[in-house]
Amino acid sequence: MNNPSSIEQINSIASIAMINDKFRKGNTSFGKFGGYCLTDRVTSLSFENFLQLIQLIREFNNFNSVNDPYGEHDYGQVYLNDEEYFFKIDLTDGFFNRTMTIGHCLDQ
């Protein structure tokens, strides 16, 4: 899928990216999307810092060929208080169900 050769592949990648963006931004208009997996360092954040981290993830839009080689908008890294965190969206069941892992980069 690195170099889509057909309109169907391009449309499929665009659809996956659109749904991943909606899930990442907290939009559940497609119904049940899935859940979240948080690493220990994320669960140990204060409530205020956790909310800031979620907001950074929702606002993330720096997808490029390095962090998004397939164009699916399923991975990114953000910084909170000079610490690097990541999010990773995985398709879990069917086309719409996803799980987002949120972790500190030292947890990888």
PDB file of N, CA and C in Angstrom:
ATOM      1  N   MET A   1       0.803  -1.199   0.000  1.00  0.00           N
ATOM      2  CA  MET A   1       0.000   0.000   0.000  1.00  0.00           C
ATOM      3  C   MET A   1       0.847   1.265   0.000  1.00  0.00           C
ATOM      4  N   ASN A   2       2.162   1.149   0.004  1.00  0.00           N
ATOM      5  CA  ASN A   2       2.999   2.349  -0.006  1.00  0.00           C
ATOM      6  C   ASN A   2       2.716   3.232  -1.196  1.00  0.00           C
ATOM      7  N   ASN A   3       2.560   2.645  -2.370  1.00  0.00           N
ATOM      8  CA  ASN A   3       2.306   3.391  -3.591  1.00  0.00           C
ATOM      9  C   ASN A   3       0.998   2.902  -4.205  1.00  0.00           C
ATOM     10  N   PRO A   4      -0.125   3.415  -3.740  1.00  0.00           N
ATOM     11  CA  PRO A   4      -1.405   2.944  -4.277  1.00  0.00           C
ATOM     12  C   PRO A   4      -1.447   3.097  -5.787  1.00  0.00           C
ATOM     13  N   SER A   5      -1.884   2.039  -6.437  1.00  0.00           N
ATOM     14  CA  SER A   5      -1.915   2.074  -7.892  1.00  0.00           C
ATOM     15  C   SER A   5      -3.320   2.145  -8.446  1.00  0.00           C
ATOM     16  N   SER A   6      -4.296   2.156  -7.596  1.00  0.00           N
ATOM     17  CA  SER A   6      -5.663   2.201  -8.102  1.00  0.00           C
ATOM     18  C   SER A   6      -6.490   3.202  -7.306  1.00  0.00           C
ATOM     19  N   ILE A   7      -7.558   3.644  -7.929  1.00  0.00           N
ATOM     20  CA  ILE A   7      -8.479   4.583  -7.271  1.00  0.00           C
ATOM     21  C   ILE A   7      -9.051   3.948  -6.010  1.00  0.00           C
ATOM     22  N   GLU A   8      -9.337   2.646  -6.038  1.00  0.00           N
ATOM     23  CA  GLU A   8      -9.908   1.979  -4.868  1.00  0.00           C
ATOM     24  C   GLU A   8      -8.956   2.048  -3.685  1.00  0.00           C
ATOM     25  N   GLN A   9      -7.662   1.806  -3.917  1.00  0.00           N
ATOM     26  CA  GLN A   9      -6.688   1.877  -2.837  1.00  0.00           C
ATOM     27  C   GLN A   9      -6.585   3.294  -2.294  1.00  0.00           C
ATOM     28  N   ILE A  10      -6.560   4.271  -3.158  1.00  0.00           N
ATOM     29  CA  ILE A  10      -6.482   5.666  -2.730  1.00  0.00           C
ATOM     30  C   ILE A  10      -7.708   6.030  -1.907  1.00  0.00           C
ATOM     31  N   ASN A  11      -8.903   5.649  -2.372  1.00  0.00           N
ATOM     32  CA  ASN A  11     -10.133   5.932  -1.641  1.00  0.00           C
ATOM     33  C   ASN A  11     -10.149   5.219  -0.298  1.00  0.00           C
ATOM     34  N   SER A  12      -9.656   3.982  -0.270  1.00  0.00           N
ATOM     35  CA  SER A  12      -9.615   3.227   0.971  1.00  0.00           C
ATOM     36  C   SER A  12      -8.686   3.896   1.979  1.00  0.00           C
ATOM     37  N   ILE A  13      -7.501   4.305   1.544  1.00  0.00           N
ATOM     38  CA  ILE A  13      -6.559   4.991   2.433  1.00  0.00           C
ATOM     39  C   ILE A  13      -7.154   6.305   2.922  1.00  0.00           C
ATOM     40  N   ALA A  14      -7.784   7.056   2.042  1.00  0.00           N
ATOM     41  CA  ALA A  14      -8.408   8.322   2.441  1.00  0.00           C
ATOM     42  C   ALA A  14      -9.521   8.080   3.452  1.00  0.00           C
ATOM     43  N   SER A  15     -10.296   7.018   3.272  1.00  0.00           N
ATOM     44  CA  SER A  15     -11.374   6.691   4.211  1.00  0.00           C
ATOM     45  C   SER A  15     -10.812   6.303   5.568  1.00  0.00           C
ATOM     46  N   ILE A  16      -9.757   5.493   5.571  1.00  0.00           N
ATOM     47  CA  ILE A  16      -9.128   5.091   6.833  1.00  0.00           C
ATOM     48  C   ILE A  16      -8.589   6.308   7.555  1.00  0.00           C
ATOM     49  N   ALA A  17      -7.901   7.196   6.834  1.00  0.00           N
ATOM     50  CA  ALA A  17      -7.345   8.411   7.443  1.00  0.00           C
ATOM     51  C   ALA A  17      -8.464   9.283   8.013  1.00  0.00           C
ATOM     52  N   MET A  18      -9.559   9.434   7.273  1.00  0.00           N
ATOM     53  CA  MET A  18     -10.677  10.260   7.737  1.00  0.00           C
ATOM     54  C   MET A  18     -11.271   9.692   9.025  1.00  0.00           C
ATOM     55  N   ILE A  19     -11.476   8.390   9.070  1.00  0.00           N
ATOM     56  CA  ILE A  19     -12.075   7.772  10.256  1.00  0.00           C
ATOM     57  C   ILE A  19     -11.091   7.822  11.429  1.00  0.00           C
ATOM     58  N   ASN A  20      -9.792   7.578  11.168  1.00  0.00           N
ATOM     59  CA  ASN A  20      -8.800   7.700  12.236  1.00  0.00           C
ATOM     60  C   ASN A  20      -8.758   9.120  12.782  1.00  0.00           C
ATOM     61  N   ASP A  21      -8.848  10.122  11.907  1.00  0.00           N
ATOM     62  CA  ASP A  21      -8.869  11.517  12.361  1.00  0.00           C
ATOM     63  C   ASP A  21     -10.078  11.780  13.253  1.00  0.00           C
ATOM     64  N   LYS A  22     -11.229  11.296  12.833  1.00  0.00           N
ATOM     65  CA  LYS A  22     -12.443  11.493  13.636  1.00  0.00           C
ATOM     66  C   LYS A  22     -12.298  10.836  15.005  1.00  0.00           C
ATOM     67  N   PHE A  23     -11.790   9.615  15.028  1.00  0.00           N
ATOM     68  CA  PHE A  23     -11.591   8.899  16.291  1.00  0.00           C
ATOM     69  C   PHE A  23     -10.597   9.657  17.176  1.00  0.00           C
ATOM     70  N   ARG A  24      -9.468  10.070  16.604  1.00  0.00           N
ATOM     71  CA  ARG A  24      -8.433  10.784  17.354  1.00  0.00           C
ATOM     72  C   ARG A  24      -8.970  12.088  17.923  1.00  0.00           C
ATOM     73  N   LYS A  25      -9.853  12.747  17.190  1.00  0.00           N
ATOM     74  CA  LYS A  25     -10.403  14.032  17.623  1.00  0.00           C
ATOM     75  C   LYS A  25     -11.608  13.887  18.549  1.00  0.00           C
ATOM     76  N   GLY A  26     -12.013  12.651  18.843  1.00  0.00           N
ATOM     77  CA  GLY A  26     -13.102  12.427  19.774  1.00  0.00           C
ATOM     78  C   GLY A  26     -14.479  12.398  19.156  1.00  0.00           C
ATOM     79  N   ASN A  27     -14.562  12.411  17.823  1.00  0.00           N
ATOM     80  CA  ASN A  27     -15.846  12.388  17.131  1.00  0.00           C
ATOM     81  C   ASN A  27     -16.341  10.946  17.050  1.00  0.00           C
ATOM     82  N   THR A  28     -17.504  10.692  17.606  1.00  0.00           N
ATOM     83  CA  THR A  28     -18.064   9.341  17.573  1.00  0.00           C
ATOM     84  C   THR A  28     -19.316   9.278  16.706  1.00  0.00           C
ATOM     85  N   SER A  29     -19.388  10.107  15.684  1.00  0.00           N
ATOM     86  CA  SER A  29     -20.582  10.155  14.836  1.00  0.00           C
ATOM     87  C   SER A  29     -20.793   8.864  14.047  1.00  0.00           C
ATOM     88  N   PHE A  30     -19.763   8.041  13.940  1.00  0.00           N
ATOM     89  CA  PHE A  30     -19.917   6.762  13.248  1.00  0.00           C
ATOM     90  C   PHE A  30     -20.426   5.676  14.180  1.00  0.00           C
ATOM     91  N   GLY A  31     -20.716   6.015  15.414  1.00  0.00           N
ATOM     92  CA  GLY A  31     -21.134   5.008  16.376  1.00  0.00           C
ATOM     93  C   GLY A  31     -19.961   4.586  17.231  1.00  0.00           C
ATOM     94  N   LYS A  32     -20.009   3.374  17.733  1.00  0.00           N
ATOM     95  CA  LYS A  32     -18.950   2.874  18.614  1.00  0.00           C
ATOM     96  C   LYS A  32     -17.654   2.716  17.836  1.00  0.00           C
ATOM     97  N   PHE A  33     -16.633   3.409  18.269  1.00  0.00           N
ATOM     98  CA  PHE A  33     -15.334   3.335  17.605  1.00  0.00           C
ATOM     99  C   PHE A  33     -14.434   2.299  18.250  1.00  0.00           C
ATOM    100  N   GLY A  34     -14.401   2.222  19.530  1.00  0.00           N
ATOM    101  CA  GLY A  34     -13.464   1.337  20.211  1.00  0.00           C
ATOM    102  C   GLY A  34     -13.077   1.915  21.543  1.00  0.00           C
ATOM    103  N   GLY A  35     -11.812   1.704  21.904  1.00  0.00           N
ATOM    104  CA  GLY A  35     -11.393   2.130  23.226  1.00  0.00           C
ATOM    105  C   GLY A  35      -9.986   2.669  23.224  1.00  0.00           C
ATOM    106  N   TYR A  36      -9.467   2.824  24.435  1.00  0.00           N
ATOM    107  CA  TYR A  36      -8.157   3.403  24.639  1.00  0.00           C
ATOM    108  C   TYR A  36      -7.323   2.491  25.515  1.00  0.00           C
ATOM    109  N   CYS A  37      -6.036   2.480  25.272  1.00  0.00           N
ATOM    110  CA  CYS A  37      -5.067   1.777  26.095  1.00  0.00           C
ATOM    111  C   CYS A  37      -4.044   2.821  26.523  1.00  0.00           C
ATOM    112  N   LEU A  38      -3.874   2.993  27.834  1.00  0.00           N
ATOM    113  CA  LEU A  38      -2.971   4.012  28.362  1.00  0.00           C
ATOM    114  C   LEU A  38      -1.828   3.334  29.094  1.00  0.00           C
ATOM    115  N   THR A  39      -0.605   3.782  28.845  1.00  0.00           N
ATOM    116  CA  THR A  39       0.538   3.209  29.539  1.00  0.00           C
ATOM    117  C   THR A  39       0.631   3.789  30.950  1.00  0.00           C
ATOM    118  N   ASP A  40       1.477   3.185  31.785  1.00  0.00           N
ATOM    119  CA  ASP A  40       1.602   3.596  33.183  1.00  0.00           C
ATOM    120  C   ASP A  40       1.972   5.066  33.335  1.00  0.00           C
ATOM    121  N   ARG A  41       2.884   5.545  32.506  1.00  0.00           N
ATOM    122  CA  ARG A  41       3.299   6.946  32.634  1.00  0.00           C
ATOM    123  C   ARG A  41       2.145   7.896  32.299  1.00  0.00           C
ATOM    124  N   VAL A  42       1.273   7.486  31.409  1.00  0.00           N
ATOM    125  CA  VAL A  42       0.113   8.330  31.070  1.00  0.00           C
ATOM    126  C   VAL A  42      -0.897   8.302  32.209  1.00  0.00           C
ATOM    127  N   THR A  43      -1.146   7.148  32.779  1.00  0.00           N
ATOM    128  CA  THR A  43      -2.125   7.070  33.867  1.00  0.00           C
ATOM    129  C   THR A  43      -1.628   7.754  35.133  1.00  0.00           C
ATOM    130  N   SER A  44      -0.317   7.978  35.233  1.00  0.00           N
ATOM    131  CA  SER A  44       0.213   8.655  36.421  1.00  0.00           C
ATOM    132  C   SER A  44       0.213  10.185  36.280  1.00  0.00           C
ATOM    133  N   LEU A  45      -0.178  10.695  35.110  1.00  0.00           N
ATOM    134  CA  LEU A  45      -0.269  12.151  34.922  1.00  0.00           C
ATOM    135  C   LEU A  45      -1.363  12.730  35.807  1.00  0.00           C
ATOM    136  N   SER A  46      -1.201  13.987  36.187  1.00  0.00           N
ATOM    137  CA  SER A  46      -2.293  14.664  36.881  1.00  0.00           C
ATOM    138  C   SER A  46      -3.473  14.776  35.911  1.00  0.00           C
ATOM    139  N   PHE A  47      -4.650  14.980  36.443  1.00  0.00           N
ATOM    140  CA  PHE A  47      -5.832  15.095  35.599  1.00  0.00           C
ATOM    141  C   PHE A  47      -5.677  16.235  34.605  1.00  0.00           C
ATOM    142  N   GLU A  48      -5.139  17.365  35.056  1.00  0.00           N
ATOM    143  CA  GLU A  48      -4.957  18.527  34.184  1.00  0.00           C
ATOM    144  C   GLU A  48      -3.976  18.209  33.050  1.00  0.00           C
ATOM    145  N   ASN A  49      -2.857  17.543  33.383  1.00  0.00           N
ATOM    146  CA  ASN A  49      -1.890  17.183  32.347  1.00  0.00           C
ATOM    147  C   ASN A  49      -2.460  16.143  31.381  1.00  0.00           C
ATOM    148  N   PHE A  50      -3.253  15.223  31.905  1.00  0.00           N
ATOM    149  CA  PHE A  50      -3.889  14.231  31.037  1.00  0.00           C
ATOM    150  C   PHE A  50      -4.809  14.920  30.035  1.00  0.00           C
ATOM    151  N   LEU A  51      -5.606  15.865  30.505  1.00  0.00           N
ATOM    152  CA  LEU A  51      -6.492  16.608  29.600  1.00  0.00           C
ATOM    153  C   LEU A  51      -5.690  17.386  28.556  1.00  0.00           C
ATOM    154  N   GLN A  52      -4.571  17.968  28.966  1.00  0.00           N
ATOM    155  CA  GLN A  52      -3.709  18.679  28.014  1.00  0.00           C
ATOM    156  C   GLN A  52      -3.152  17.713  26.965  1.00  0.00           C
ATOM    157  N   LEU A  53      -2.760  16.524  27.395  1.00  0.00           N
ATOM    158  CA  LEU A  53      -2.240  15.525  26.463  1.00  0.00           C
ATOM    159  C   LEU A  53      -3.302  15.121  25.455  1.00  0.00           C
ATOM    160  N   ILE A  54      -4.515  14.867  25.921  1.00  0.00           N
ATOM    161  CA  ILE A  54      -5.609  14.505  25.014  1.00  0.00           C
ATOM    162  C   ILE A  54      -5.854  15.631  24.018  1.00  0.00           C
ATOM    163  N   GLN A  55      -5.819  16.867  24.479  1.00  0.00           N
ATOM    164  CA  GLN A  55      -6.028  18.006  23.577  1.00  0.00           C
ATOM    165  C   GLN A  55      -4.923  18.080  22.529  1.00  0.00           C
ATOM    166  N   LEU A  56      -3.677  17.850  22.930  1.00  0.00           N
ATOM    167  CA  LEU A  56      -2.562  17.852  21.967  1.00  0.00           C
ATOM    168  C   LEU A  56      -2.744  16.769  20.908  1.00  0.00           C
ATOM    169  N   ILE A  57      -3.201  15.610  21.334  1.00  0.00           N
ATOM    170  CA  ILE A  57      -3.431  14.509  20.393  1.00  0.00           C
ATOM    171  C   ILE A  57      -4.569  14.857  19.443  1.00  0.00           C
ATOM    172  N   ARG A  58      -5.632  15.424  19.977  1.00  0.00           N
ATOM    173  CA  ARG A  58      -6.769  15.802  19.122  1.00  0.00           C
ATOM    174  C   ARG A  58      -6.385  16.862  18.097  1.00  0.00           C
ATOM    175  N   GLU A  59      -5.476  17.759  18.468  1.00  0.00           N
ATOM    176  CA  GLU A  59      -5.066  18.838  17.572  1.00  0.00           C
ATOM    177  C   GLU A  59      -3.924  18.437  16.635  1.00  0.00           C
ATOM    178  N   PHE A  60      -3.305  17.291  16.870  1.00  0.00           N
ATOM    179  CA  PHE A  60      -2.152  16.874  16.068  1.00  0.00           C
ATOM    180  C   PHE A  60      -2.542  16.780  14.595  1.00  0.00           C
ATOM    181  N   ASN A  61      -1.694  17.353  13.743  1.00  0.00           N
ATOM    182  CA  ASN A  61      -1.969  17.307  12.313  1.00  0.00           C
ATOM    183  C   ASN A  61      -0.668  17.305  11.507  1.00  0.00           C
ATOM    184  N   ASN A  62       0.413  16.869  12.122  1.00  0.00           N
ATOM    185  CA  ASN A  62       1.717  16.889  11.477  1.00  0.00           C
ATOM    186  C   ASN A  62       2.055  15.515  10.889  1.00  0.00           C
ATOM    187  N   PHE A  63       1.160  14.993  10.084  1.00  0.00           N
ATOM    188  CA  PHE A  63       1.408  13.702   9.449  1.00  0.00           C
ATOM    189  C   PHE A  63       2.316  13.908   8.248  1.00  0.00           C
ATOM    190  N   ASN A  64       3.309  13.030   8.124  1.00  0.00           N
ATOM    191  CA  ASN A  64       4.253  13.128   7.012  1.00  0.00           C
ATOM    192  C   ASN A  64       4.748  11.738   6.628  1.00  0.00           C
ATOM    193  N   SER A  65       5.630  11.659   5.667  1.00  0.00           N
ATOM    194  CA  SER A  65       6.087  10.357   5.166  1.00  0.00           C
ATOM    195  C   SER A  65       6.891   9.576   6.192  1.00  0.00           C
ATOM    196  N   VAL A  66       7.415  10.241   7.201  1.00  0.00           N
ATOM    197  CA  VAL A  66       8.191   9.544   8.233  1.00  0.00           C
ATOM    198  C   VAL A  66       7.266   8.901   9.265  1.00  0.00           C
ATOM    199  N   ASN A  67       6.326   9.675   9.814  1.00  0.00           N
ATOM    200  CA  ASN A  67       5.470   9.130  10.863  1.00  0.00           C
ATOM    201  C   ASN A  67       4.166   8.543  10.326  1.00  0.00           C
ATOM    202  N   ASP A  68       3.911   8.710   9.044  1.00  0.00           N
ATOM    203  CA  ASP A  68       2.654   8.229   8.452  1.00  0.00           C
ATOM    204  C   ASP A  68       2.914   7.698   7.034  1.00  0.00           C
ATOM    205  N   PRO A  69       3.785   6.689   6.901  1.00  0.00           N
ATOM    206  CA  PRO A  69       4.187   6.242   5.559  1.00  0.00           C
ATOM    207  C   PRO A  69       3.044   5.686   4.711  1.00  0.00           C
ATOM    208  N   TYR A  70       1.966   5.221   5.339  1.00  0.00           N
ATOM    209  CA  TYR A  70       0.844   4.657   4.582  1.00  0.00           C
ATOM    210  C   TYR A  70      -0.309   5.636   4.414  1.00  0.00           C
ATOM    211  N   GLY A  71      -0.185   6.831   4.989  1.00  0.00           N
ATOM    212  CA  GLY A  71      -1.216   7.853   4.831  1.00  0.00           C
ATOM    213  C   GLY A  71      -2.482   7.606   5.615  1.00  0.00           C
ATOM    214  N   GLU A  72      -2.418   6.775   6.658  1.00  0.00           N
ATOM    215  CA  GLU A  72      -3.621   6.397   7.406  1.00  0.00           C
ATOM    216  C   GLU A  72      -3.862   7.231   8.670  1.00  0.00           C
ATOM    217  N   HIS A  73      -2.963   8.148   8.990  1.00  0.00           N
ATOM    218  CA  HIS A  73      -3.100   9.021  10.169  1.00  0.00           C
ATOM    219  C   HIS A  73      -3.293   8.192  11.439  1.00  0.00           C
ATOM    220  N   ASP A  74      -2.474   7.170  11.604  1.00  0.00           N
ATOM    221  CA  ASP A  74      -2.644   6.254  12.735  1.00  0.00           C
ATOM    222  C   ASP A  74      -1.537   6.336  13.782  1.00  0.00           C
ATOM    223  N   TYR A  75      -0.593   7.272  13.634  1.00  0.00           N
ATOM    224  CA  TYR A  75       0.493   7.394  14.599  1.00  0.00           C
ATOM    225  C   TYR A  75       0.976   8.837  14.651  1.00  0.00           C
ATOM    226  N   GLY A  76       1.356   9.275  15.841  1.00  0.00           N
ATOM    227  CA  GLY A  76       1.927  10.602  15.976  1.00  0.00           C
ATOM    228  C   GLY A  76       2.607  10.755  17.325  1.00  0.00           C
ATOM    229  N   GLN A  77       3.411  11.800  17.428  1.00  0.00           N
ATOM    230  CA  GLN A  77       4.103  12.114  18.666  1.00  0.00           C
ATOM    231  C   GLN A  77       3.841  13.570  19.024  1.00  0.00           C
ATOM    232  N   VAL A  78       3.629  13.800  20.309  1.00  0.00           N
ATOM    233  CA  VAL A  78       3.384  15.149  20.814  1.00  0.00           C
ATOM    234  C   VAL A  78       4.256  15.362  22.055  1.00  0.00           C
ATOM    235  N   TYR A  79       4.448  16.621  22.403  1.00  0.00           N
ATOM    236  CA  TYR A  79       5.246  16.976  23.575  1.00  0.00           C
ATOM    237  C   TYR A  79       4.378  17.678  24.600  1.00  0.00           C
ATOM    238  N   LEU A  80       4.521  17.229  25.847  1.00  0.00           N
ATOM    239  CA  LEU A  80       3.844  17.848  26.978  1.00  0.00           C
ATOM    240  C   LEU A  80       4.889  18.037  28.070  1.00  0.00           C
ATOM    241  N   ASN A  81       5.095  19.277  28.500  1.00  0.00           N
ATOM    242  CA  ASN A  81       6.085  19.580  29.543  1.00  0.00           C
ATOM    243  C   ASN A  81       7.463  19.002  29.194  1.00  0.00           C
ATOM    244  N   ASP A  82       7.868  19.184  27.945  1.00  0.00           N
ATOM    245  CA  ASP A  82       9.167  18.718  27.439  1.00  0.00           C
ATOM    246  C   ASP A  82       9.331  17.205  27.454  1.00  0.00           C
ATOM    247  N   GLU A  83       8.243  16.477  27.550  1.00  0.00           N
ATOM    248  CA  GLU A  83       8.280  15.012  27.500  1.00  0.00           C
ATOM    249  C   GLU A  83       7.548  14.564  26.252  1.00  0.00           C
ATOM    250  N   GLU A  84       8.071  13.518  25.624  1.00  0.00           N
ATOM    251  CA  GLU A  84       7.500  13.035  24.358  1.00  0.00           C
ATOM    252  C   GLU A  84       6.509  11.898  24.617  1.00  0.00           C
ATOM    253  N   TYR A  85       5.330  12.042  24.037  1.00  0.00           N
ATOM    254  CA  TYR A  85       4.276  11.037  24.119  1.00  0.00           C
ATOM    255  C   TYR A  85       3.893  10.623  22.703  1.00  0.00           C
ATOM    256  N   PHE A  86       3.283   9.469  22.585  1.00  0.00           N
ATOM    257  CA  PHE A  86       2.853   8.984  21.275  1.00  0.00           C
ATOM    258  C   PHE A  86       1.407   8.508  21.339  1.00  0.00           C
ATOM    259  N   PHE A  87       0.789   8.459  20.186  1.00  0.00           N
ATOM    260  CA  PHE A  87      -0.498   7.778  20.055  1.00  0.00           C
ATOM    261  C   PHE A  87      -0.413   6.858  18.853  1.00  0.00           C
ATOM    262  N   LYS A  88      -1.091   5.738  18.949  1.00  0.00           N
ATOM    263  CA  LYS A  88      -1.123   4.749  17.873  1.00  0.00           C
ATOM    264  C   LYS A  88      -2.531   4.208  17.779  1.00  0.00           C
ATOM    265  N   ILE A  89      -3.121   4.302  16.589  1.00  0.00           N
ATOM    266  CA  ILE A  89      -4.482   3.812  16.385  1.00  0.00           C
ATOM    267  C   ILE A  89      -4.403   2.499  15.618  1.00  0.00           C
ATOM    268  N   ASP A  90      -5.060   1.480  16.161  1.00  0.00           N
ATOM    269  CA  ASP A  90      -5.109   0.167  15.522  1.00  0.00           C
ATOM    270  C   ASP A  90      -6.543  -0.212  15.219  1.00  0.00           C
ATOM    271  N   LEU A  91      -6.748  -0.772  14.048  1.00  0.00           N
ATOM    272  CA  LEU A  91      -8.044  -1.326  13.675  1.00  0.00           C
ATOM    273  C   LEU A  91      -8.219  -2.609  14.465  1.00  0.00           C
ATOM    274  N   THR A  92      -9.334  -2.742  15.190  1.00  0.00           N
ATOM    275  CA  THR A  92      -9.503  -3.910  16.051  1.00  0.00           C
ATOM    276  C   THR A  92     -10.530  -4.909  15.543  1.00  0.00           C
ATOM    277  N   ASP A  93     -11.592  -4.435  14.926  1.00  0.00           N
ATOM    278  CA  ASP A  93     -12.629  -5.363  14.480  1.00  0.00           C
ATOM    279  C   ASP A  93     -13.494  -4.636  13.455  1.00  0.00           C
ATOM    280  N   GLY A  94     -13.514  -5.128  12.241  1.00  0.00           N
ATOM    281  CA  GLY A  94     -14.295  -4.468  11.212  1.00  0.00           C
ATOM    282  C   GLY A  94     -13.632  -3.188  10.763  1.00  0.00           C
ATOM    283  N   PHE A  95     -14.376  -2.339  10.074  1.00  0.00           N
ATOM    284  CA  PHE A  95     -13.809  -1.120   9.507  1.00  0.00           C
ATOM    285  C   PHE A  95     -13.837   0.050  10.479  1.00  0.00           C
ATOM    286  N   PHE A  96     -14.782   0.079  11.419  1.00  0.00           N
ATOM    287  CA  PHE A  96     -14.961   1.253  12.267  1.00  0.00           C
ATOM    288  C   PHE A  96     -14.391   1.102  13.672  1.00  0.00           C
ATOM    289  N   ASN A  97     -14.164  -0.092  14.164  1.00  0.00           N
ATOM    290  CA  ASN A  97     -13.710  -0.282  15.541  1.00  0.00           C
ATOM    291  C   ASN A  97     -12.202  -0.137  15.640  1.00  0.00           C
ATOM    292  N   ARG A  98     -11.776   0.750  16.518  1.00  0.00           N
ATOM    293  CA  ARG A  98     -10.366   1.057  16.684  1.00  0.00           C
ATOM    294  C   ARG A  98     -10.000   1.112  18.162  1.00  0.00           C
ATOM    295  N   THR A  99      -8.715   0.947  18.425  1.00  0.00           N
ATOM    296  CA  THR A  99      -8.166   1.162  19.758  1.00  0.00           C
ATOM    297  C   THR A  99      -7.015   2.141  19.625  1.00  0.00           C
ATOM    298  N   MET A 100      -6.995   3.148  20.487  1.00  0.00           N
ATOM    299  CA  MET A 100      -5.884   4.095  20.496  1.00  0.00           C
ATOM    300  C   MET A 100      -5.032   3.860  21.726  1.00  0.00           C
ATOM    301  N   THR A 101      -3.755   3.563  21.492  1.00  0.00           N
ATOM    302  CA  THR A 101      -2.787   3.460  22.566  1.00  0.00           C
ATOM    303  C   THR A 101      -2.140   4.834  22.739  1.00  0.00           C
ATOM    304  N   ILE A 102      -2.078   5.285  23.973  1.00  0.00           N
ATOM    305  CA  ILE A 102      -1.433   6.558  24.298  1.00  0.00           C
ATOM    306  C   ILE A 102      -0.358   6.246  25.315  1.00  0.00           C
ATOM    307  N   GLY A 103       0.868   6.643  24.992  1.00  0.00           N
ATOM    308  CA  GLY A 103       1.955   6.320  25.901  1.00  0.00           C
ATOM    309  C   GLY A 103       3.063   7.343  25.892  1.00  0.00           C
ATOM    310  N   HIS A 104       3.932   7.208  26.868  1.00  0.00           N
ATOM    311  CA  HIS A 104       5.149   8.004  26.939  1.00  0.00           C
ATOM    312  C   HIS A 104       6.184   7.292  26.061  1.00  0.00           C
ATOM    313  N   CYS A 105       7.005   8.039  25.363  1.00  0.00           N
ATOM    314  CA  CYS A 105       7.949   7.424  24.436  1.00  0.00           C
ATOM    315  C   CYS A 105       8.946   6.496  25.120  1.00  0.00           C
ATOM    316  N   LEU A 106       9.180   6.654  26.424  1.00  0.00           N
ATOM    317  CA  LEU A 106      10.026   5.723  27.134  1.00  0.00           C
ATOM    318  C   LEU A 106       9.326   4.385  27.375  1.00  0.00           C
ATOM    319  N   ASP A 107       8.001   4.341  27.176  1.00  0.00           N
ATOM    320  CA  ASP A 107       7.223   3.118  27.375  1.00  0.00           C
ATOM    321  C   ASP A 107       7.253   2.198  26.156  1.00  0.00           C
ATOM    322  N   GLN A 108       7.774   2.661  25.029  1.00  0.00           N
ATOM    323  CA  GLN A 108       7.727   1.859  23.798  1.00  0.00           C
ATOM    324  C   GLN A 108       8.641   0.663  23.883  1.00  0.00           C
TER     325      GLN A 108
END
